[in-house]
């Protein structure tokens, strides 16, 4: 059997927007490479990543969150080739999962986050905030699955995705999936895709800001939502700085849609 025979296809829901050709270059062996994390009851785990290069990348993290524990994962995805970050998180009773992610870039690369959050016990919470900024024919994806077990009453789970397209050829995709077997839960998701605020651009230009500075400030404010819950200021600056560095080569927003 050849290696490519074991790779997923776009018929698989979790890979429907993936760059399968790039995945083939990564190789099927990468699908078995998971970073495994177990968080003891009552403990807190923080993890921050800047991912992406000029070669395809696949990052897979599997986290077991103990009772009353907290997992925080924040990622900036700036790949100039296909770059995918996956997180599978299982929550114990009263546990919390916080995810903040940014995909940003141009060219023709696909940058994506794929999460699966399993609320396996009562009173657990999760919050996921993803911001996506793309130009050229770049694509930003967020596929977020939430599973709530039958005994996981009082679950409170939320997902929020917003995409900002700086050129007509760029795209953003959000696919929320909810599988709920408990009856006393709160599960919310939202997704919007748009352009930079014209009124804000006009206001800033009228006060002497250059188009480049205006775009940078508006994008910075847009991206900041993904890292609001990150208390480590230095880590937050690193993640946001990596995203804004990727913006340096962006087209100035204003292309006709």
Protein backbone atom coordinates (compact mmCIF):
# COMPACT_ATOMS: atom_id res chain seq x y z
CA UNK A 1 0.00 0.00 0.00
CA UNK A 2 1.34 3.45 -0.85
CA UNK A 3 1.66 6.17 1.73
CA UNK A 4 -0.90 8.41 0.06
CA UNK A 5 -3.53 5.66 0.38
CA UNK A 6 -3.66 6.31 4.15
CA UNK A 7 -4.13 10.05 3.88
CA UNK A 8 -7.54 11.64 4.38
CA UNK A 9 -9.51 13.19 1.54
CA UNK A 10 -11.86 16.16 1.38
CA UNK A 11 -14.73 13.72 1.88
CA UNK A 12 -13.64 13.65 5.53
CA UNK A 13 -15.44 16.49 7.29
CA UNK A 14 -12.39 17.58 9.27
CA UNK A 15 -10.34 17.86 6.06
CA UNK A 16 -12.92 19.39 3.73
CA UNK A 17 -10.99 22.66 3.20
CA UNK A 18 -7.48 21.23 3.62
CA UNK A 19 -4.68 21.36 1.05
CA UNK A 20 -4.45 17.63 0.40
CA UNK A 21 -1.55 18.01 -2.04
CA UNK A 22 0.47 19.74 0.67
CA UNK A 23 -0.56 17.08 3.18
CA UNK A 24 0.84 14.48 0.81
CA UNK A 25 4.17 16.30 0.96
CA UNK A 26 4.06 16.16 4.76
CA UNK A 27 3.42 12.42 4.63
CA UNK A 28 1.01 10.04 6.30
CA UNK A 29 3.35 9.34 9.22
CA UNK A 30 2.72 12.85 10.53
CA UNK A 31 -0.90 11.92 11.26
CA UNK A 32 0.29 9.68 14.10
CA UNK A 33 2.44 12.35 15.70
CA UNK A 34 0.54 13.91 18.61
CA UNK A 35 1.79 16.02 21.46
CA UNK A 36 0.10 14.46 24.49
CA UNK A 37 -0.65 16.61 27.54
CA UNK A 38 -2.37 15.58 30.77
CA UNK A 39 -3.29 18.29 33.27
CA UNK A 40 -3.76 17.16 36.85
CA UNK A 41 -6.85 18.11 38.83
CA UNK A 42 -6.84 21.78 39.74
CA UNK A 43 -3.71 22.61 37.73
CA UNK A 44 -3.28 25.15 34.88
CA UNK A 45 -1.47 24.60 31.57
CA UNK A 46 -0.47 27.50 29.31
CA UNK A 47 0.90 27.00 25.81
CA UNK A 48 1.68 29.55 23.09
CA UNK A 49 2.83 28.86 19.54
CA UNK A 50 3.86 30.76 16.43
CA UNK A 51 3.68 28.30 13.54
CA UNK A 52 4.30 28.42 9.82
CA UNK A 53 7.20 28.52 7.39
CA UNK A 54 7.78 28.08 3.66
CA UNK A 55 7.06 24.33 3.93
CA UNK A 56 3.80 22.58 4.89
CA UNK A 57 3.33 21.91 8.61
CA UNK A 58 0.96 19.81 10.70
CA UNK A 59 0.76 20.30 14.48
CA UNK A 60 -1.45 17.99 16.57
CA UNK A 61 -2.05 18.41 20.31
CA UNK A 62 -4.17 16.15 22.51
CA UNK A 63 -5.01 17.44 25.99
CA UNK A 64 -6.73 15.72 28.91
CA UNK A 65 -7.90 18.35 31.41
CA UNK A 66 -8.49 17.07 34.94
CA UNK A 67 -11.31 18.09 37.28
CA UNK A 68 -11.17 21.80 38.05
CA UNK A 69 -8.10 22.25 35.83
CA UNK A 70 -7.56 24.83 33.10
CA UNK A 71 -5.95 24.53 29.66
CA UNK A 72 -4.97 27.61 27.64
CA UNK A 73 -3.71 27.41 24.05
CA UNK A 74 -2.90 30.48 21.95
CA UNK A 75 -1.54 30.25 18.40
CA UNK A 76 -0.52 32.55 15.57
CA UNK A 77 -0.49 30.77 12.20
CA UNK A 78 1.57 32.64 9.58
CA UNK A 79 2.52 29.81 7.22
CA UNK A 80 3.42 30.68 3.64
CA UNK A 81 2.56 27.06 2.81
CA UNK A 82 -0.21 24.84 4.15
CA UNK A 83 -0.18 25.01 7.96
CA UNK A 84 -2.67 23.15 10.13
CA UNK A 85 -2.98 23.14 13.92
CA UNK A 86 -5.27 20.56 15.53
CA UNK A 87 -6.29 20.34 19.17
CA UNK A 88 -8.30 17.55 20.78
CA UNK A 89 -9.33 18.46 24.32
CA UNK A 90 -11.25 16.36 26.85
CA UNK A 91 -12.59 18.21 29.89
CA UNK A 92 -13.17 16.80 33.36
CA UNK A 93 -15.70 18.11 35.84
CA UNK A 94 -15.48 21.87 36.31
CA UNK A 95 -12.54 22.15 33.90
CA UNK A 96 -11.98 24.96 31.38
CA UNK A 97 -10.43 25.17 27.90
CA UNK A 98 -9.44 28.54 26.44
CA UNK A 99 -8.30 28.78 22.81
CA UNK A 100 -7.25 31.89 20.93
CA UNK A 101 -6.00 31.64 17.36
CA UNK A 102 -4.98 33.90 14.47
CA UNK A 103 -4.45 32.89 10.85
CA UNK A 104 -2.94 35.59 8.66
CA UNK A 105 -1.23 35.79 5.29
CA UNK A 106 -1.43 36.13 1.54
CA UNK A 107 -0.17 34.07 -1.36
CA UNK A 108 -2.20 30.94 -2.05
CA UNK A 109 -1.60 29.13 1.25
CA UNK A 110 -4.27 27.48 3.39
CA UNK A 111 -3.92 28.14 7.12
CA UNK A 112 -6.27 26.38 9.48
CA UNK A 113 -7.25 25.48 13.00
CA UNK A 114 -9.20 22.33 13.75
CA UNK A 115 -10.44 21.71 17.28
CA UNK A 116 -12.44 18.99 18.95
CA UNK A 117 -13.60 19.76 22.48
CA UNK A 118 -15.21 16.97 24.48
CA UNK A 119 -17.20 18.01 27.52
CA UNK A 120 -17.10 14.65 29.26
CA UNK A 121 -18.26 15.71 32.75
CA UNK A 122 -20.55 18.32 34.35
CA UNK A 123 -19.85 22.03 34.89
CA UNK A 124 -17.02 22.34 32.38
CA UNK A 125 -16.57 25.44 30.22
CA UNK A 126 -14.78 26.23 26.99
CA UNK A 127 -14.21 29.36 24.93
CA UNK A 128 -12.63 29.58 21.48
CA UNK A 129 -11.87 32.84 19.66
CA UNK A 130 -10.39 32.79 16.16
CA UNK A 131 -9.51 35.75 13.93
CA UNK A 132 -8.50 35.35 10.29
CA UNK A 133 -6.92 37.98 7.97
CA UNK A 134 -6.07 37.06 4.38
CA UNK A 135 -5.23 38.57 1.03
CA UNK A 136 -4.09 37.33 -2.37
CA UNK A 137 -5.79 33.96 -2.68
CA UNK A 138 -4.94 32.94 0.88
CA UNK A 139 -7.47 30.97 2.93
CA UNK A 140 -8.14 30.85 6.66
CA UNK A 141 -10.17 27.98 8.13
CA UNK A 142 -11.63 27.15 11.53
CA UNK A 143 -13.35 23.81 12.03
CA UNK A 144 -14.54 23.55 15.60
CA UNK A 145 -16.34 20.50 16.96
CA UNK A 146 -17.94 20.46 20.42
CA UNK A 147 -19.18 17.18 21.91
CA UNK A 148 -21.25 17.23 25.10
CA UNK A 149 -21.68 13.86 26.84
CA UNK A 150 -24.99 12.78 28.32
CA UNK A 151 -23.78 13.35 31.89
CA UNK A 152 -22.09 16.69 31.15
CA UNK A 153 -24.85 18.91 32.53
CA UNK A 154 -24.18 22.64 33.07
CA UNK A 155 -21.77 22.72 30.15
CA UNK A 156 -21.02 26.24 28.86
CA UNK A 157 -19.21 26.28 25.49
CA UNK A 158 -18.65 29.12 23.02
CA UNK A 159 -16.93 29.62 19.66
CA UNK A 160 -16.42 32.93 17.88
CA UNK A 161 -14.88 33.28 14.39
CA UNK A 162 -14.34 36.48 12.42
CA UNK A 163 -12.63 36.77 9.06
CA UNK A 164 -11.20 39.87 7.41
CA UNK A 165 -10.49 39.71 3.66
CA UNK A 166 -8.15 42.34 2.21
CA UNK A 167 -8.60 41.21 -1.41
CA UNK A 168 -11.40 39.68 -3.42
CA UNK A 169 -9.49 36.46 -4.07
CA UNK A 170 -9.00 35.61 -0.40
CA UNK A 171 -11.40 33.40 1.56
CA UNK A 172 -12.31 32.31 5.07
CA UNK A 173 -14.30 29.29 6.20
CA UNK A 174 -15.86 28.49 9.56
CA UNK A 175 -17.52 25.16 10.31
CA UNK A 176 -18.98 24.81 13.81
CA UNK A 177 -20.20 21.34 14.76
CA UNK A 178 -22.21 20.64 17.89
CA UNK A 179 -23.08 17.17 19.18
CA UNK A 180 -25.06 17.54 22.42
CA UNK A 181 -26.52 14.71 24.48
CA UNK A 182 -27.11 16.63 27.74
CA UNK A 183 -30.15 18.86 28.13
CA UNK A 184 -28.95 21.56 30.56
CA UNK A 185 -26.22 23.28 28.55
CA UNK A 186 -25.20 26.55 26.91
CA UNK A 187 -23.51 26.18 23.53
CA UNK A 188 -23.05 29.21 21.30
CA UNK A 189 -21.18 29.91 18.09
CA UNK A 190 -20.86 32.84 15.72
CA UNK A 191 -19.10 33.49 12.42
CA UNK A 192 -18.74 36.62 10.28
CA UNK A 193 -16.54 37.53 7.30
CA UNK A 194 -16.07 41.06 5.96
CA UNK A 195 -13.75 43.91 4.99
CA UNK A 196 -12.10 46.71 6.93
CA UNK A 197 -14.48 49.32 8.31
CA UNK A 198 -14.67 52.10 5.70
CA UNK A 199 -15.85 54.69 8.22
CA UNK A 200 -12.89 53.94 10.49
CA UNK A 201 -10.47 54.16 7.56
CA UNK A 202 -11.90 57.53 6.52
CA UNK A 203 -11.76 58.84 10.09
CA UNK A 204 -8.11 57.89 10.50
CA UNK A 205 -7.11 59.19 7.06
CA UNK A 206 -8.78 62.52 7.86
CA UNK A 207 -6.47 62.80 10.84
CA UNK A 208 -3.36 62.35 8.78
CA UNK A 209 -2.64 58.64 9.17
CA UNK A 210 -1.18 56.93 6.12
CA UNK A 211 -3.08 54.05 4.48
CA UNK A 212 -0.37 51.67 5.73
CA UNK A 213 -0.65 52.85 9.33
CA UNK A 214 -4.43 52.81 9.16
CA UNK A 215 -4.53 49.24 7.92
CA UNK A 216 -2.04 48.09 10.55
CA UNK A 217 -3.96 49.68 13.43
CA UNK A 218 -7.33 48.33 12.29
CA UNK A 219 -5.96 44.82 11.77
CA UNK A 220 -4.17 44.94 15.13
CA UNK A 221 -7.43 45.82 16.89
CA UNK A 222 -9.24 43.07 14.99
CA UNK A 223 -6.69 40.41 15.90
CA UNK A 224 -6.40 41.45 19.52
CA UNK A 225 -9.65 39.72 20.47
CA UNK A 226 -8.00 36.32 20.03
CA UNK A 227 -5.50 36.99 22.79
CA UNK A 228 -7.58 38.91 25.32
CA UNK A 229 -7.57 36.01 27.79
CA UNK A 230 -3.79 35.60 27.62
CA UNK A 231 -2.49 37.23 30.80
CA UNK A 232 1.21 36.95 29.94
CA UNK A 233 1.87 40.32 28.30
CA UNK A 234 5.18 39.28 26.75
CA UNK A 235 3.63 36.17 25.20
CA UNK A 236 0.72 38.23 23.91
CA UNK A 237 3.10 40.72 22.28
CA UNK A 238 5.05 37.87 20.66
CA UNK A 239 1.93 36.33 19.12
CA UNK A 240 0.51 39.65 17.94
CA UNK A 241 3.91 40.83 16.71
CA UNK A 242 4.30 37.72 14.55
CA UNK A 243 0.89 38.36 13.02
CA UNK A 244 1.62 42.02 12.30
CA UNK A 245 4.99 41.13 10.78
CA UNK A 246 3.15 38.90 8.32
CA UNK A 247 0.92 41.86 7.48
CA UNK A 248 3.87 43.93 6.23
CA UNK A 249 3.64 42.46 2.75
CA UNK A 250 -0.14 42.72 2.52
CA UNK A 251 -2.02 44.56 -0.17
CA UNK A 252 -3.52 47.81 1.01
CA UNK A 253 -7.21 47.13 1.57
CA UNK A 254 -9.41 48.89 -0.91
CA UNK A 255 -9.56 46.48 -3.82
CA UNK A 256 -12.95 46.27 -5.42
CA UNK A 257 -15.09 43.30 -4.35
